[in-house]
Amino acid sequence: SGCGKNEDASARPGVPVVSSKAISQDVYSYAEAVGCCRSYASVNVVPQVYGTLQGVHFEQGAHVKSGDLLYTIDPTHYEAALNQAKARLVQAEAQLEVDSAKLERSKALLPQNYISKQEYETLNAQVMQDKAAIEAAKAGIEQANLDFQHCFITSPIDGIAGKYLVDVGNVLSQGAVGSGVLVNVQDVDRLYVDFSVSENLFPKLYKNFTRAKDGLDVSVSLIADGTITGSAKLKFLENTINKRTGSIELRAVLGNSEHKFWPGCAVNVKVLLNIKTKAVLVPSESIRLGQAGHYAFVIKDDKTADLRMVKIGQQYGNLILIKDGIKDGETVVCTGQLMLAPGMKVSEIPDPRQNMFQTKLKKDKELVEQNPTTK
């Protein structure tokens, strides 16, 4: 080997690498979480009187308005009770009229001592009882009328009705009153989005929340289909941090007039925390993790590799925020780092993945053009 010809190291070909330039732009810092949609209002419709379920006046899954008739319970018994209560009122009013006339006649006889004072007081007490009986009869009419109206069950809110839980012909027993659910109605025109974030983000989140007059903007996307998105407003922060999980629960209100989201669906949630101006971003594949921390190779003007230790921040798509270590406009190595060492020469080459993609597009285009059915 001593007789070999000396080679100039600078004349050796550089290590082929794919590179990219660091860019500077404004970026947004988010608190990200996975949340769940809940109906804005969910009401279990229950019977308030007992009897035979006589009719169902809606379709399962139908949109119902507040006040729409849903069910009919046989009203015969309650209609009879209402009529009885009305008759008691007429009877009480007639009795008052008779006793009042007696009392008026007694007033004229009392000064001449034709009747005793005790008899007069008895007649006066009877008139007071008659008046009380009238008030009781009126209250009885109100109660009987209320029971009669409860035979016609209406929707308490605008929403979508669930499935039938009780069929026509079933007898609603007295024990089921107030507890046996007939159907569930849910308001889906607005939804709650429940999620939680780490307590580490709470100070900044709370600061922004108190500043916002109408709630913080929240971006929501469906996990099952990321193209389905919506905008919500953060309206509620739980009044305590969960010590067991180290997180705090939040709730946003999502407008859902187009019904793109549904109660119970899982969503990705992003809450804006702050905006960083002129942030330095590099492709995420240019960052590697070593024993000393994150690092990247920067290509200097003389085409040699310079090892940089970097501090990274949040990721934005295929880019990652650089807090320290790389400046705007510097060139970083994206692929080929395994063959590099500090000071080694590099040779920048086009991204082979991009070439493969362009080649595939070209072949696909040629196939389409050769197809006789293509116009």
Protein backbone atom coordinates (compact mmCIF):
# COMPACT_ATOMS: atom_id res chain seq x y z
CA SER A 1 0.00 0.00 0.00
CA GLY A 2 2.95 2.30 0.50
CA CYS A 3 3.73 2.11 -3.19
CA GLY A 4 0.22 3.20 -4.14
CA LYS A 5 -0.58 6.50 -5.73
CA ASN A 6 -1.72 9.20 -3.26
CA GLU A 7 -5.33 10.33 -3.89
CA ASP A 8 -6.50 13.81 -3.14
CA ALA A 9 -9.47 13.47 -0.74
CA SER A 10 -11.07 16.56 -2.22
CA ALA A 11 -11.19 14.83 -5.62
CA ARG A 12 -13.32 11.97 -4.32
CA PRO A 13 -16.99 12.05 -5.31
CA GLY A 14 -19.32 13.36 -2.64
CA VAL A 15 -21.86 11.24 -0.81
CA PRO A 16 -25.14 11.41 -2.80
CA VAL A 17 -27.88 13.01 -0.71
CA VAL A 18 -31.31 14.51 -1.23
CA SER A 19 -31.50 17.99 0.21
CA SER A 20 -33.99 20.73 0.91
CA LYS A 21 -33.84 24.34 2.06
CA ALA A 22 -35.11 25.53 5.42
CA ILE A 23 -37.98 27.96 5.01
CA SER A 24 -39.39 30.72 7.19
CA GLN A 25 -43.10 31.38 7.61
CA ASP A 26 -45.76 32.08 10.21
CA VAL A 27 -46.96 28.93 11.95
CA TYR A 28 -49.78 28.21 14.34
CA SER A 29 -49.38 26.32 17.58
CA TYR A 30 -52.31 24.05 18.45
CA ALA A 31 -53.49 21.90 21.29
CA GLU A 32 -54.53 18.68 19.57
CA ALA A 33 -56.77 15.96 20.99
CA VAL A 34 -59.25 13.26 20.11
CA GLY A 35 -62.81 14.13 21.07
CA CYS A 36 -66.31 12.73 20.91
CA CYS A 37 -69.49 14.39 19.64
CA ARG A 38 -72.48 14.56 21.95
CA SER A 39 -75.99 15.75 21.13
CA TYR A 40 -76.71 19.30 22.23
CA ALA A 41 -79.91 18.09 23.87
CA SER A 42 -81.00 14.50 24.45
CA VAL A 43 -84.47 13.83 25.86
CA ASN A 44 -86.00 10.52 26.88
CA VAL A 45 -89.74 10.75 26.24
CA VAL A 46 -91.58 9.00 29.09
CA PRO A 47 -95.30 8.64 29.88
CA GLN A 48 -96.71 10.76 32.68
CA VAL A 49 -100.00 8.86 32.89
CA TYR A 50 -100.75 5.16 32.60
CA GLY A 51 -103.03 3.44 30.13
CA THR A 52 -103.07 1.64 26.78
CA LEU A 53 -100.73 3.01 24.11
CA GLN A 54 -103.22 3.84 21.39
CA GLY A 55 -101.20 5.42 18.58
CA VAL A 56 -97.73 6.30 17.27
CA HIS A 57 -97.61 9.39 15.05
CA PHE A 58 -94.00 9.54 13.81
CA GLU A 59 -91.46 7.44 11.93
CA GLN A 60 -88.32 6.09 13.51
CA GLY A 61 -85.35 8.33 12.67
CA ALA A 62 -87.61 11.16 11.50
CA HIS A 63 -86.99 14.83 12.16
CA VAL A 64 -89.54 16.09 14.65
CA LYS A 65 -90.34 19.60 15.81
CA SER A 66 -91.07 20.75 19.32
CA GLY A 67 -94.78 20.19 19.93
CA ASP A 68 -95.22 17.48 17.27
CA LEU A 69 -97.52 14.67 18.41
CA LEU A 70 -95.55 11.48 19.03
CA TYR A 71 -97.82 9.10 20.99
CA THR A 72 -101.44 8.82 22.11
CA ILE A 73 -102.47 7.03 25.30
CA ASP A 74 -106.13 5.97 25.53
CA PRO A 75 -107.75 9.15 26.97
CA THR A 76 -111.19 7.67 27.79
CA HIS A 77 -110.56 7.26 31.52
CA TYR A 78 -109.03 10.74 31.86
CA GLU A 79 -111.76 12.41 29.80
CA ALA A 80 -114.35 10.91 32.16
CA ALA A 81 -112.39 12.15 35.18
CA LEU A 82 -112.31 15.62 33.64
CA ASN A 83 -116.05 15.62 33.15
CA GLN A 84 -116.54 14.52 36.76
CA ALA A 85 -114.35 17.37 37.96
CA LYS A 86 -116.37 19.86 35.92
CA ALA A 87 -119.60 18.47 37.41
CA ARG A 88 -118.22 18.87 40.94
CA LEU A 89 -117.51 22.51 40.19
CA VAL A 90 -121.11 23.09 39.04
CA GLN A 91 -122.38 21.32 42.16
CA ALA A 92 -120.16 23.42 44.43
CA GLU A 93 -121.26 26.66 42.74
CA ALA A 94 -124.93 25.73 43.15
CA GLN A 95 -124.43 24.94 46.82
CA LEU A 96 -122.71 28.28 47.32
CA GLU A 97 -125.61 30.09 45.73
CA VAL A 98 -128.12 28.43 48.11
CA ASP A 99 -126.05 28.99 51.24
CA SER A 100 -125.29 32.59 50.27
CA ALA A 101 -129.01 33.31 49.97
CA LYS A 102 -129.63 31.83 53.45
CA LEU A 103 -126.84 33.98 54.86
CA GLU A 104 -128.29 37.15 53.35
CA ARG A 105 -131.72 36.41 54.90
CA SER A 106 -130.09 35.72 58.27
CA LYS A 107 -128.39 39.12 58.25
CA ALA A 108 -131.82 40.83 58.35
CA LEU A 109 -133.10 38.55 61.12
CA LEU A 110 -130.11 38.75 63.42
CA PRO A 111 -130.73 42.32 64.78
CA GLN A 112 -134.31 41.36 65.85
CA ASN A 113 -132.95 38.20 67.49
CA TYR A 114 -135.14 35.99 65.30
CA ILE A 115 -132.13 33.71 64.92
CA SER A 116 -129.29 33.10 67.30
CA LYS A 117 -125.81 34.38 66.71
CA GLN A 118 -124.57 30.81 66.65
CA GLU A 119 -126.94 29.93 63.77
CA TYR A 120 -125.70 32.96 61.83
CA GLU A 121 -122.05 32.01 62.35
CA THR A 122 -122.84 28.45 61.24
CA LEU A 123 -124.37 29.74 57.99
CA ASN A 124 -121.37 32.03 57.43
CA ALA A 125 -118.97 29.14 57.94
CA GLN A 126 -121.00 27.06 55.49
CA VAL A 127 -120.62 29.76 52.83
CA MET A 128 -116.85 29.83 53.40
CA GLN A 129 -116.76 26.04 53.01
CA ASP A 130 -118.71 26.33 49.76
CA LYS A 131 -116.17 28.82 48.41
CA ALA A 132 -113.33 26.48 49.38
CA ALA A 133 -115.17 23.61 47.67
CA ILE A 134 -115.33 25.69 44.48
CA GLU A 135 -111.57 26.33 44.59
CA ALA A 136 -110.95 22.60 45.18
CA ALA A 137 -113.22 21.75 42.25
CA LYS A 138 -111.32 24.18 40.00
CA ALA A 139 -108.03 22.59 41.08
CA GLY A 140 -109.53 19.19 40.35
CA ILE A 141 -110.43 20.34 36.85
CA GLU A 142 -106.87 21.58 36.27
CA GLN A 143 -105.43 18.25 37.43
CA ALA A 144 -107.88 16.20 35.37
CA ASN A 145 -107.25 18.40 32.33
CA LEU A 146 -103.48 18.02 32.82
CA ASP A 147 -103.82 14.22 32.97
CA PHE A 148 -106.00 14.33 29.86
CA GLN A 149 -103.40 16.42 27.99
CA HIS A 150 -100.67 13.98 29.04
CA CYS A 151 -102.46 11.34 26.98
CA PHE A 152 -101.18 13.19 23.90
CA ILE A 153 -97.38 13.03 24.14
CA THR A 154 -95.53 15.65 22.09
CA SER A 155 -91.86 16.18 21.30
CA PRO A 156 -90.19 18.48 23.85
CA ILE A 157 -87.45 19.62 21.42
CA ASP A 158 -86.53 19.83 17.75
CA GLY A 159 -84.47 16.80 16.86
CA ILE A 160 -84.25 13.32 15.41
CA ALA A 161 -86.35 10.57 16.93
CA GLY A 162 -84.75 7.26 17.80
CA LYS A 163 -86.19 3.77 17.43
CA TYR A 164 -89.50 2.66 18.91
CA LEU A 165 -89.03 1.27 22.40
CA VAL A 166 -92.73 0.51 23.07
CA ASP A 167 -95.24 -0.65 20.47
CA VAL A 168 -98.92 0.22 20.07
CA GLY A 169 -101.23 -1.91 22.19
CA ASN A 170 -98.95 -2.19 25.20
CA VAL A 171 -100.42 -1.14 28.52
CA LEU A 172 -98.26 1.41 30.27
CA SER A 173 -98.48 0.40 33.90
CA GLN A 174 -98.48 2.88 36.74
CA GLY A 175 -94.99 1.76 37.69
CA ALA A 176 -93.67 2.77 34.25
CA VAL A 177 -94.93 6.35 34.58
CA GLY A 178 -91.93 8.68 34.61
CA SER A 179 -89.43 5.85 34.07
CA GLY A 180 -90.44 3.75 31.04
CA VAL A 181 -88.81 5.37 28.00
CA LEU A 182 -90.94 5.43 24.85
CA VAL A 183 -88.40 7.03 22.52
CA ASN A 184 -85.28 9.20 22.63
CA VAL A 185 -85.11 12.52 20.75
CA GLN A 186 -81.74 14.16 20.10
CA ASP A 187 -80.93 17.63 18.85
CA VAL A 188 -78.22 17.19 16.19
CA ASP A 189 -78.39 20.66 14.60
CA ARG A 190 -75.78 21.56 17.22
CA LEU A 191 -73.39 19.20 18.92
CA TYR A 192 -71.12 19.26 21.92
CA VAL A 193 -67.54 18.17 21.27
CA ASP A 194 -66.02 16.78 24.47
CA PHE A 195 -62.25 16.35 24.69
CA SER A 196 -59.38 16.78 27.12
CA VAL A 197 -55.86 18.23 26.95
CA SER A 198 -52.78 17.96 29.14
CA GLU A 199 -52.58 20.23 32.16
CA ASN A 200 -49.27 21.51 30.73
CA LEU A 201 -51.27 23.34 28.06
CA PHE A 202 -53.84 24.69 30.50
CA PRO A 203 -52.16 28.03 31.44
CA LYS A 204 -51.84 29.18 27.84
CA LEU A 205 -55.24 27.77 26.91
CA TYR A 206 -56.96 29.46 29.85
CA LYS A 207 -55.27 32.78 29.06
CA ASN A 208 -56.59 32.70 25.50
CA PHE A 209 -60.00 31.48 26.67
CA THR A 210 -60.48 34.42 29.05
CA ARG A 211 -59.47 36.87 26.32
CA ALA A 212 -61.92 35.50 23.75
CA LYS A 213 -65.35 37.10 23.99
CA ASP A 214 -67.24 34.42 22.06
CA GLY A 215 -65.09 31.36 22.82
CA LEU A 216 -61.91 30.05 21.24
CA ASP A 217 -61.95 28.79 17.65
CA VAL A 218 -61.77 25.00 17.44
CA SER A 219 -61.11 23.01 14.27
CA VAL A 220 -62.90 19.65 14.11
CA SER A 221 -62.42 16.83 11.59
CA LEU A 222 -63.96 13.38 11.44
CA ILE A 223 -61.49 10.60 12.24
CA ALA A 224 -63.25 8.22 9.85
CA ASP A 225 -62.94 10.77 7.01
CA GLY A 226 -60.53 13.67 7.47
CA THR A 227 -62.12 15.59 4.60
CA ILE A 228 -65.24 16.17 6.72
CA THR A 229 -64.40 19.24 8.78
CA GLY A 230 -66.19 21.83 10.85
CA SER A 231 -65.61 24.90 13.01
CA ALA A 232 -66.62 25.01 16.66
CA LYS A 233 -66.29 27.37 19.61
CA LEU A 234 -64.70 26.36 22.90
CA LYS A 235 -67.30 27.29 25.50
CA PHE A 236 -66.46 25.33 28.63
CA LEU A 237 -63.43 24.38 30.74
CA GLU A 238 -63.93 21.93 33.59
CA ASN A 239 -63.47 23.51 37.03
CA THR A 240 -60.81 21.02 38.11
CA ILE A 241 -57.85 19.14 36.66
CA ASN A 242 -58.05 15.36 36.82
CA LYS A 243 -55.19 14.36 39.14
CA ARG A 244 -55.24 10.76 37.95
CA THR A 245 -54.80 11.57 34.25
CA GLY A 246 -53.15 15.00 34.50
CA SER A 247 -55.64 16.44 32.02
CA ILE A 248 -58.54 18.87 31.95
CA GLU A 249 -61.86 18.30 30.19
CA LEU A 250 -63.11 20.83 27.64
CA ARG A 251 -66.32 21.25 25.68
CA ALA A 252 -66.90 23.05 22.38
CA VAL A 253 -70.15 23.79 20.56
CA LEU A 254 -70.24 22.69 16.91
CA GLY A 255 -72.77 23.97 14.39
CA ASN A 256 -74.11 20.95 12.50
CA SER A 257 -76.99 22.18 10.35
CA GLU A 258 -75.79 19.99 7.44
CA HIS A 259 -75.59 16.95 9.75
CA LYS A 260 -72.04 16.10 8.68
CA PHE A 261 -71.30 14.90 12.22
CA TRP A 262 -73.34 12.55 14.39
CA PRO A 263 -73.63 12.02 18.15
CA GLY A 264 -71.06 9.50 19.31
CA CYS A 265 -68.61 9.93 16.41
CA ALA A 266 -64.89 10.37 17.14
CA VAL A 267 -63.22 13.54 15.89
CA ASN A 268 -59.79 15.16 15.80
CA VAL A 269 -59.78 18.49 17.61
CA LYS A 270 -57.34 21.40 17.28
CA VAL A 271 -57.45 24.51 19.47
CA LEU A 272 -55.29 27.48 18.49
CA LEU A 273 -52.80 28.42 21.23
CA ASN A 274 -50.56 31.02 19.58
CA ILE A 275 -49.01 32.21 16.30
CA LYS A 276 -45.23 32.17 15.82
CA THR A 277 -44.01 34.58 13.16
CA LYS A 278 -41.05 33.84 10.87
CA ALA A 279 -40.59 30.33 12.22
CA VAL A 280 -37.93 28.10 10.61
CA LEU A 281 -39.28 24.86 9.14
CA VAL A 282 -37.47 21.87 7.60
CA PRO A 283 -38.70 18.53 6.24
CA SER A 284 -39.33 16.13 9.12
CA GLU A 285 -37.15 13.40 7.50
CA SER A 286 -34.09 15.64 7.84
CA ILE A 287 -34.23 15.36 11.64
CA ARG A 288 -32.60 12.36 13.33
CA LEU A 289 -32.49 11.34 16.98
CA GLY A 290 -29.15 10.40 18.53
CA GLN A 291 -27.82 9.79 22.02
CA ALA A 292 -27.22 13.51 22.55
CA GLY A 293 -30.62 14.54 21.16
CA HIS A 294 -32.03 15.59 17.81
CA TYR A 295 -29.62 16.51 15.03
CA ALA A 296 -29.48 17.31 11.32
CA PHE A 297 -26.82 17.63 8.63
CA VAL A 298 -26.50 21.06 7.04
CA ILE A 299 -24.73 21.45 3.69
CA LYS A 300 -22.26 24.32 3.83
CA ASP A 301 -21.19 26.50 0.91
CA ASP A 302 -18.16 24.26 0.23
CA LYS A 303 -20.48 21.25 -0.17
CA THR A 304 -19.43 19.60 3.08
CA ALA A 305 -21.71 18.25 5.76
CA ASP A 306 -21.99 20.06 9.06
CA LEU A 307 -23.56 18.23 12.00
CA ARG A 308 -26.01 20.45 13.95
CA MET A 309 -27.74 19.69 17.22
CA VAL A 310 -31.24 21.15 17.01
CA LYS A 311 -34.22 21.87 19.20
CA ILE A 312 -37.47 20.94 17.52
CA GLY A 313 -41.07 22.04 18.06
CA GLN A 314 -44.46 21.07 16.69
CA GLN A 315 -44.87 19.21 13.42
CA TYR A 316 -46.92 20.73 10.60
CA GLY A 317 -47.69 18.10 7.96
CA ASN A 318 -44.32 16.95 6.55
CA LEU A 319 -42.50 19.94 8.06
CA ILE A 320 -41.20 20.37 11.59
CA LEU A 321 -40.50 23.56 13.54
CA ILE A 322 -36.88 24.31 14.43
CA LYS A 323 -36.48 26.31 17.62
CA ASP A 324 -32.67 26.46 17.47
CA GLY A 325 -29.80 25.08 15.37
CA ILE A 326 -30.82 25.87 11.77
CA LYS A 327 -31.39 29.23 10.10
CA ASP A 328 -33.72 30.26 7.32
CA GLY A 329 -32.31 29.46 3.85
CA GLU A 330 -29.78 26.85 4.98
CA THR A 331 -29.77 23.53 3.11
CA VAL A 332 -30.43 20.36 5.09
CA VAL A 333 -29.93 16.72 4.14
CA CYS A 334 -33.23 14.84 3.86
CA THR A 335 -32.00 11.37 2.86
CA GLY A 336 -28.54 9.81 2.88
CA GLN A 337 -27.56 10.71 6.45
CA LEU A 338 -26.39 7.15 7.25
CA MET A 339 -23.37 7.55 4.93
CA LEU A 340 -22.44 10.98 6.26
CA ALA A 341 -19.99 12.21 8.88
CA PRO A 342 -19.11 15.80 9.78
CA GLY A 343 -16.87 17.39 7.11
CA MET A 344 -17.59 14.85 4.38
CA LYS A 345 -18.23 16.02 0.84
CA VAL A 346 -21.81 15.68 -0.42
CA SER A 347 -23.34 15.55 -3.85
CA GLU A 348 -26.90 16.78 -4.10
CA ILE A 349 -29.17 14.64 -6.28
CA PRO A 350 -32.86 14.91 -7.21
CA ASP A 351 -35.32 13.11 -4.99
CA PRO A 352 -35.68 9.62 -6.55
CA ARG A 353 -39.16 9.32 -5.07
CA GLN A 354 -40.24 12.36 -7.05
CA ASN A 355 -38.75 10.87 -10.20
CA MET A 356 -40.61 7.61 -9.59
CA PHE A 357 -43.81 9.54 -9.14
CA GLN A 358 -43.29 11.54 -12.33
CA THR A 359 -42.44 8.33 -14.24
CA LYS A 360 -45.62 6.67 -13.02
CA LEU A 361 -47.68 9.69 -14.05
CA LYS A 362 -46.09 9.56 -17.50
CA LYS A 363 -46.81 5.84 -17.91
CA ASP A 364 -50.39 6.30 -16.73
CA LYS A 365 -50.87 9.12 -19.22
CA GLU A 366 -49.49 6.98 -22.07
CA LEU A 367 -51.83 4.12 -21.15
CA VAL A 368 -54.81 6.46 -21.17
CA GLU A 369 -53.83 7.89 -24.54
CA GLN A 370 -53.40 4.41 -26.04
CA ASN A 371 -56.83 3.30 -24.81
CA PRO A 372 -59.21 3.38 -27.79
CA THR A 373 -62.14 4.28 -25.50
CA THR A 374 -60.42 7.46 -24.37
CA LYS A 375 -61.72 10.60 -25.97
